[in-house]
Amino acid sequence: MTLAQWAYAAAEVPVYFIADPHAGRCRVFTHPQDGAYKRDLTVTYGEPVDLTDTVLGITLPTDEFPRD
């Protein structure tokens, strides 16, 4: 776990979303508990990110995310 992941999880940030235009991937951490995220999802650009079970309650399309 990185320091950033720990800090966000400890602060109970419900969704920590990282978009990497160089790799064409997103990494999403959700459900913080006891200083760690319980769920870790990696998706390739073009796949939707299902956040319907979080406080956001949405599905985020990634097909138009910019690439390096």
PDB file of N, CA and C in Angstrom:
ATOM      1  N   MET A   1       0.847  -1.169   0.000  1.00  0.00           N
ATOM      2  CA  MET A   1       0.000   0.000   0.000  1.00  0.00           C
ATOM      3  C   MET A   1       0.894   1.235   0.000  1.00  0.00           C
ATOM      4  N   THR A   2       0.535   2.189  -0.839  1.00  0.00           N
ATOM      5  CA  THR A   2       1.301   3.429  -0.884  1.00  0.00           C
ATOM      6  C   THR A   2       0.863   4.354   0.250  1.00  0.00           C
ATOM      7  N   LEU A   3       1.674   5.350   0.502  1.00  0.00           N
ATOM      8  CA  LEU A   3       1.335   6.335   1.524  1.00  0.00           C
ATOM      9  C   LEU A   3       0.046   7.061   1.168  1.00  0.00           C
ATOM     10  N   ALA A   4      -0.137   7.374  -0.108  1.00  0.00           N
ATOM     11  CA  ALA A   4      -1.362   8.047  -0.546  1.00  0.00           C
ATOM     12  C   ALA A   4      -2.585   7.161  -0.295  1.00  0.00           C
ATOM     13  N   GLN A   5      -2.487   5.884  -0.649  1.00  0.00           N
ATOM     14  CA  GLN A   5      -3.613   4.972  -0.411  1.00  0.00           C
ATOM     15  C   GLN A   5      -3.953   4.932   1.078  1.00  0.00           C
ATOM     16  N   TRP A   6      -2.950   4.817   1.896  1.00  0.00           N
ATOM     17  CA  TRP A   6      -3.183   4.761   3.332  1.00  0.00           C
ATOM     18  C   TRP A   6      -3.824   6.051   3.820  1.00  0.00           C
ATOM     19  N   ALA A   7      -3.309   7.205   3.379  1.00  0.00           N
ATOM     20  CA  ALA A   7      -3.828   8.500   3.821  1.00  0.00           C
ATOM     21  C   ALA A   7      -5.297   8.666   3.432  1.00  0.00           C
ATOM     22  N   TYR A   8      -5.636   8.348   2.185  1.00  0.00           N
ATOM     23  CA  TYR A   8      -7.019   8.476   1.747  1.00  0.00           C
ATOM     24  C   TYR A   8      -7.924   7.486   2.475  1.00  0.00           C
ATOM     25  N   ALA A   9      -7.468   6.269   2.650  1.00  0.00           N
ATOM     26  CA  ALA A   9      -8.273   5.269   3.360  1.00  0.00           C
ATOM     27  C   ALA A   9      -8.449   5.664   4.822  1.00  0.00           C
ATOM     28  N   ALA A  10      -7.385   6.147   5.460  1.00  0.00           N
ATOM     29  CA  ALA A  10      -7.473   6.569   6.861  1.00  0.00           C
ATOM     30  C   ALA A  10      -8.421   7.743   7.021  1.00  0.00           C
ATOM     31  N   ALA A  11      -8.477   8.612   6.008  1.00  0.00           N
ATOM     32  CA  ALA A  11      -9.398   9.755   6.038  1.00  0.00           C
ATOM     33  C   ALA A  11     -10.809   9.342   5.615  1.00  0.00           C
ATOM     34  N   GLU A  12     -10.976   8.073   5.263  1.00  0.00           N
ATOM     35  CA  GLU A  12     -12.251   7.498   4.834  1.00  0.00           C
ATOM     36  C   GLU A  12     -12.821   8.174   3.595  1.00  0.00           C
ATOM     37  N   VAL A  13     -11.920   8.496   2.653  1.00  0.00           N
ATOM     38  CA  VAL A  13     -12.349   8.987   1.343  1.00  0.00           C
ATOM     39  C   VAL A  13     -13.005   7.796   0.647  1.00  0.00           C
ATOM     40  N   PRO A  14     -14.295   7.898   0.286  1.00  0.00           N
ATOM     41  CA  PRO A  14     -15.019   6.708  -0.175  1.00  0.00           C
ATOM     42  C   PRO A  14     -14.537   6.137  -1.504  1.00  0.00           C
ATOM     43  N   VAL A  15     -14.041   6.986  -2.404  1.00  0.00           N
ATOM     44  CA  VAL A  15     -13.573   6.504  -3.701  1.00  0.00           C
ATOM     45  C   VAL A  15     -12.265   7.219  -4.032  1.00  0.00           C
ATOM     46  N   TYR A  16     -11.209   6.445  -4.259  1.00  0.00           N
ATOM     47  CA  TYR A  16      -9.907   6.964  -4.660  1.00  0.00           C
ATOM     48  C   TYR A  16      -9.672   6.451  -6.067  1.00  0.00           C
ATOM     49  N   PHE A  17      -9.703   7.369  -7.039  1.00  0.00           N
ATOM     50  CA  PHE A  17      -9.703   7.026  -8.460  1.00  0.00           C
ATOM     51  C   PHE A  17      -8.428   7.547  -9.106  1.00  0.00           C
ATOM     52  N   ILE A  18      -7.681   6.673  -9.776  1.00  0.00           N
ATOM     53  CA  ILE A  18      -6.454   7.061 -10.458  1.00  0.00           C
ATOM     54  C   ILE A  18      -6.604   6.705 -11.936  1.00  0.00           C
ATOM     55  N   ALA A  19      -6.493   7.709 -12.801  1.00  0.00           N
ATOM     56  CA  ALA A  19      -6.513   7.481 -14.244  1.00  0.00           C
ATOM     57  C   ALA A  19      -5.095   7.648 -14.763  1.00  0.00           C
ATOM     58  N   ASP A  20      -4.599   6.655 -15.497  1.00  0.00           N
ATOM     59  CA  ASP A  20      -3.239   6.668 -16.024  1.00  0.00           C
ATOM     60  C   ASP A  20      -3.297   6.714 -17.551  1.00  0.00           C
ATOM     61  N   PRO A  21      -3.165   7.911 -18.138  1.00  0.00           N
ATOM     62  CA  PRO A  21      -3.279   8.022 -19.599  1.00  0.00           C
ATOM     63  C   PRO A  21      -2.142   7.339 -20.346  1.00  0.00           C
ATOM     64  N   HIS A  22      -1.001   7.181 -19.710  1.00  0.00           N
ATOM     65  CA  HIS A  22       0.123   6.504 -20.370  1.00  0.00           C
ATOM     66  C   HIS A  22      -0.162   5.000 -20.529  1.00  0.00           C
ATOM     67  N   ALA A  23      -0.659   4.392 -19.462  1.00  0.00           N
ATOM     68  CA  ALA A  23      -0.965   2.952 -19.500  1.00  0.00           C
ATOM     69  C   ALA A  23      -2.350   2.665 -20.074  1.00  0.00           C
ATOM     70  N   GLY A  24      -3.225   3.697 -20.114  1.00  0.00           N
ATOM     71  CA  GLY A  24      -4.583   3.481 -20.605  1.00  0.00           C
ATOM     72  C   GLY A  24      -5.411   2.661 -19.645  1.00  0.00           C
ATOM     73  N   ARG A  25      -5.165   2.873 -18.333  1.00  0.00           N
ATOM     74  CA  ARG A  25      -5.881   2.124 -17.290  1.00  0.00           C
ATOM     75  C   ARG A  25      -6.329   3.061 -16.178  1.00  0.00           C
ATOM     76  N   CYS A  26      -7.348   2.623 -15.475  1.00  0.00           N
ATOM     77  CA  CYS A  26      -7.811   3.290 -14.262  1.00  0.00           C
ATOM     78  C   CYS A  26      -7.695   2.303 -13.111  1.00  0.00           C
ATOM     79  N   ARG A  27      -7.377   2.838 -11.968  1.00  0.00           N
ATOM     80  CA  ARG A  27      -7.365   2.017 -10.753  1.00  0.00           C
ATOM     81  C   ARG A  27      -8.273   2.700  -9.754  1.00  0.00           C
ATOM     82  N   VAL A  28      -9.165   1.935  -9.173  1.00  0.00           N
ATOM     83  CA  VAL A  28     -10.181   2.488  -8.298  1.00  0.00           C
ATOM     84  C   VAL A  28     -10.168   1.727  -6.971  1.00  0.00           C
ATOM     85  N   PHE A  29     -10.047   2.477  -5.899  1.00  0.00           N
ATOM     86  CA  PHE A  29     -10.080   1.909  -4.551  1.00  0.00           C
ATOM     87  C   PHE A  29     -11.361   2.392  -3.884  1.00  0.00           C
ATOM     88  N   THR A  30     -12.097   1.466  -3.270  1.00  0.00           N
ATOM     89  CA  THR A  30     -13.357   1.826  -2.620  1.00  0.00           C
ATOM     90  C   THR A  30     -13.502   1.082  -1.293  1.00  0.00           C
ATOM     91  N   HIS A  31     -14.484   1.503  -0.540  1.00  0.00           N
ATOM     92  CA  HIS A  31     -14.850   0.893   0.727  1.00  0.00           C
ATOM     93  C   HIS A  31     -13.709   0.933   1.757  1.00  0.00           C
ATOM     94  N   PRO A  32     -13.333   2.157   2.172  1.00  0.00           N
ATOM     95  CA  PRO A  32     -12.267   2.269   3.179  1.00  0.00           C
ATOM     96  C   PRO A  32     -12.729   1.741   4.531  1.00  0.00           C
ATOM     97  N   GLN A  33     -11.820   1.053   5.194  1.00  0.00           N
ATOM     98  CA  GLN A  33     -12.121   0.519   6.527  1.00  0.00           C
ATOM     99  C   GLN A  33     -10.806   0.248   7.246  1.00  0.00           C
ATOM    100  N   ASP A  34     -10.680   0.738   8.441  1.00  0.00           N
ATOM    101  CA  ASP A  34      -9.502   0.496   9.279  1.00  0.00           C
ATOM    102  C   ASP A  34      -8.192   0.882   8.580  1.00  0.00           C
ATOM    103  N   GLY A  35      -8.195   2.017   7.867  1.00  0.00           N
ATOM    104  CA  GLY A  35      -6.984   2.510   7.237  1.00  0.00           C
ATOM    105  C   GLY A  35      -6.566   1.794   5.969  1.00  0.00           C
ATOM    106  N   ALA A  36      -7.491   1.034   5.366  1.00  0.00           N
ATOM    107  CA  ALA A  36      -7.193   0.336   4.110  1.00  0.00           C
ATOM    108  C   ALA A  36      -8.449   0.299   3.250  1.00  0.00           C
ATOM    109  N   TYR A  37      -8.244   0.172   1.962  1.00  0.00           N
ATOM    110  CA  TYR A  37      -9.381  -0.002   1.058  1.00  0.00           C
ATOM    111  C   TYR A  37      -9.664  -1.486   0.908  1.00  0.00           C
ATOM    112  N   LYS A  38     -10.931  -1.842   1.004  1.00  0.00           N
ATOM    113  CA  LYS A  38     -11.330  -3.246   0.914  1.00  0.00           C
ATOM    114  C   LYS A  38     -11.473  -3.722  -0.531  1.00  0.00           C
ATOM    115  N   ARG A  39     -11.686  -2.772  -1.465  1.00  0.00           N
ATOM    116  CA  ARG A  39     -11.830  -3.164  -2.861  1.00  0.00           C
ATOM    117  C   ARG A  39     -10.844  -2.388  -3.729  1.00  0.00           C
ATOM    118  N   ASP A  40     -10.248  -3.089  -4.671  1.00  0.00           N
ATOM    119  CA  ASP A  40      -9.250  -2.540  -5.584  1.00  0.00           C
ATOM    120  C   ASP A  40      -9.596  -3.059  -6.977  1.00  0.00           C
ATOM    121  N   LEU A  41      -9.919  -2.135  -7.889  1.00  0.00           N
ATOM    122  CA  LEU A  41     -10.344  -2.514  -9.233  1.00  0.00           C
ATOM    123  C   LEU A  41      -9.442  -1.830 -10.255  1.00  0.00           C
ATOM    124  N   THR A  42      -8.989  -2.570 -11.246  1.00  0.00           N
ATOM    125  CA  THR A  42      -8.236  -2.004 -12.362  1.00  0.00           C
ATOM    126  C   THR A  42      -9.023  -2.274 -13.635  1.00  0.00           C
ATOM    127  N   VAL A  43      -9.248  -1.221 -14.433  1.00  0.00           N
ATOM    128  CA  VAL A  43      -9.947  -1.372 -15.711  1.00  0.00           C
ATOM    129  C   VAL A  43      -9.147  -0.691 -16.802  1.00  0.00           C
ATOM    130  N   THR A  44      -9.259  -1.228 -17.989  1.00  0.00           N
ATOM    131  CA  THR A  44      -8.630  -0.654 -19.170  1.00  0.00           C
ATOM    132  C   THR A  44      -9.559   0.412 -19.735  1.00  0.00           C
ATOM    133  N   TYR A  45      -8.956   1.493 -20.240  1.00  0.00           N
ATOM    134  CA  TYR A  45      -9.771   2.529 -20.888  1.00  0.00           C
ATOM    135  C   TYR A  45     -10.689   1.873 -21.914  1.00  0.00           C
ATOM    136  N   GLY A  46     -11.918   2.297 -21.918  1.00  0.00           N
ATOM    137  CA  GLY A  46     -12.934   1.719 -22.787  1.00  0.00           C
ATOM    138  C   GLY A  46     -13.929   0.894 -21.997  1.00  0.00           C
ATOM    139  N   GLU A  47     -13.507   0.366 -20.847  1.00  0.00           N
ATOM    140  CA  GLU A  47     -14.411  -0.382 -19.971  1.00  0.00           C
ATOM    141  C   GLU A  47     -15.076   0.600 -19.002  1.00  0.00           C
ATOM    142  N   PRO A  48     -16.347   0.419 -18.694  1.00  0.00           N
ATOM    143  CA  PRO A  48     -16.986   1.286 -17.705  1.00  0.00           C
ATOM    144  C   PRO A  48     -16.523   0.935 -16.288  1.00  0.00           C
ATOM    145  N   VAL A  49     -16.497   1.937 -15.442  1.00  0.00           N
ATOM    146  CA  VAL A  49     -16.153   1.735 -14.033  1.00  0.00           C
ATOM    147  C   VAL A  49     -17.461   1.769 -13.246  1.00  0.00           C
ATOM    148  N   ASP A  50     -17.830   0.647 -12.683  1.00  0.00           N
ATOM    149  CA  ASP A  50     -19.086   0.529 -11.935  1.00  0.00           C
ATOM    150  C   ASP A  50     -18.876   1.018 -10.507  1.00  0.00           C
ATOM    151  N   LEU A  51     -19.454   2.162 -10.204  1.00  0.00           N
ATOM    152  CA  LEU A  51     -19.385   2.736  -8.862  1.00  0.00           C
ATOM    153  C   LEU A  51     -20.768   2.815  -8.236  1.00  0.00           C
ATOM    154  N   THR A  52     -21.677   1.969  -8.718  1.00  0.00           N
ATOM    155  CA  THR A  52     -23.056   2.015  -8.231  1.00  0.00           C
ATOM    156  C   THR A  52     -23.197   1.558  -6.785  1.00  0.00           C
ATOM    157  N   ASP A  53     -22.202   0.811  -6.284  1.00  0.00           N
ATOM    158  CA  ASP A  53     -22.278   0.364  -4.893  1.00  0.00           C
ATOM    159  C   ASP A  53     -21.485   1.279  -3.963  1.00  0.00           C
ATOM    160  N   THR A  54     -21.172   2.495  -4.430  1.00  0.00           N
ATOM    161  CA  THR A  54     -20.472   3.487  -3.612  1.00  0.00           C
ATOM    162  C   THR A  54     -21.391   4.685  -3.393  1.00  0.00           C
ATOM    163  N   VAL A  55     -20.908   5.671  -2.672  1.00  0.00           N
ATOM    164  CA  VAL A  55     -21.713   6.878  -2.435  1.00  0.00           C
ATOM    165  C   VAL A  55     -21.953   7.653  -3.724  1.00  0.00           C
ATOM    166  N   LEU A  56     -21.141   7.425  -4.754  1.00  0.00           N
ATOM    167  CA  LEU A  56     -21.335   8.116  -6.026  1.00  0.00           C
ATOM    168  C   LEU A  56     -22.547   7.578  -6.781  1.00  0.00           C
ATOM    169  N   GLY A  57     -22.754   6.273  -6.707  1.00  0.00           N
ATOM    170  CA  GLY A  57     -23.927   5.658  -7.323  1.00  0.00           C
ATOM    171  C   GLY A  57     -23.986   5.793  -8.832  1.00  0.00           C
ATOM    172  N   ILE A  58     -22.847   5.784  -9.515  1.00  0.00           N
ATOM    173  CA  ILE A  58     -22.823   5.957 -10.972  1.00  0.00           C
ATOM    174  C   ILE A  58     -21.957   4.881 -11.626  1.00  0.00           C
ATOM    175  N   THR A  59     -22.102   4.790 -12.943  1.00  0.00           N
ATOM    176  CA  THR A  59     -21.173   4.036 -13.764  1.00  0.00           C
ATOM    177  C   THR A  59     -20.459   5.053 -14.626  1.00  0.00           C
ATOM    178  N   LEU A  60     -19.130   5.049 -14.571  1.00  0.00           N
ATOM    179  CA  LEU A  60     -18.326   6.054 -15.259  1.00  0.00           C
ATOM    180  C   LEU A  60     -17.742   5.457 -16.539  1.00  0.00           C
ATOM    181  N   PRO A  61     -18.120   6.009 -17.704  1.00  0.00           N
ATOM    182  CA  PRO A  61     -17.517   5.518 -18.945  1.00  0.00           C
ATOM    183  C   PRO A  61     -16.082   6.031 -19.062  1.00  0.00           C
ATOM    184  N   THR A  62     -15.190   5.224 -19.614  1.00  0.00           N
ATOM    185  CA  THR A  62     -13.790   5.620 -19.766  1.00  0.00           C
ATOM    186  C   THR A  62     -13.362   5.653 -21.232  1.00  0.00           C
ATOM    187  N   ASP A  63     -14.287   5.414 -22.137  1.00  0.00           N
ATOM    188  CA  ASP A  63     -13.920   5.304 -23.543  1.00  0.00           C
ATOM    189  C   ASP A  63     -13.410   6.619 -24.152  1.00  0.00           C
ATOM    190  N   GLU A  64     -13.704   7.758 -23.539  1.00  0.00           N
ATOM    191  CA  GLU A  64     -13.227   9.033 -24.055  1.00  0.00           C
ATOM    192  C   GLU A  64     -12.118   9.639 -23.198  1.00  0.00           C
ATOM    193  N   PHE A  65     -11.558   8.884 -22.277  1.00  0.00           N
ATOM    194  CA  PHE A  65     -10.440   9.371 -21.483  1.00  0.00           C
ATOM    195  C   PHE A  65      -9.236   9.602 -22.400  1.00  0.00           C
ATOM    196  N   PRO A  66      -8.493  10.684 -22.209  1.00  0.00           N
ATOM    197  CA  PRO A  66      -7.340  10.950 -23.068  1.00  0.00           C
ATOM    198  C   PRO A  66      -6.202   9.966 -22.840  1.00  0.00           C
ATOM    199  N   ARG A  67      -5.440   9.723 -23.893  1.00  0.00           N
ATOM    200  CA  ARG A  67      -4.287   8.810 -23.813  1.00  0.00           C
ATOM    201  C   ARG A  67      -3.033   9.583 -24.164  1.00  0.00           C
ATOM    202  N   ASP A  68      -1.926   9.186 -23.557  1.00  0.00           N
ATOM    203  CA  ASP A  68      -0.623   9.755 -23.921  1.00  0.00           C
ATOM    204  C   ASP A  68      -0.112   9.132 -25.176  1.00  0.00           C
TER     205      ASP A  68
END
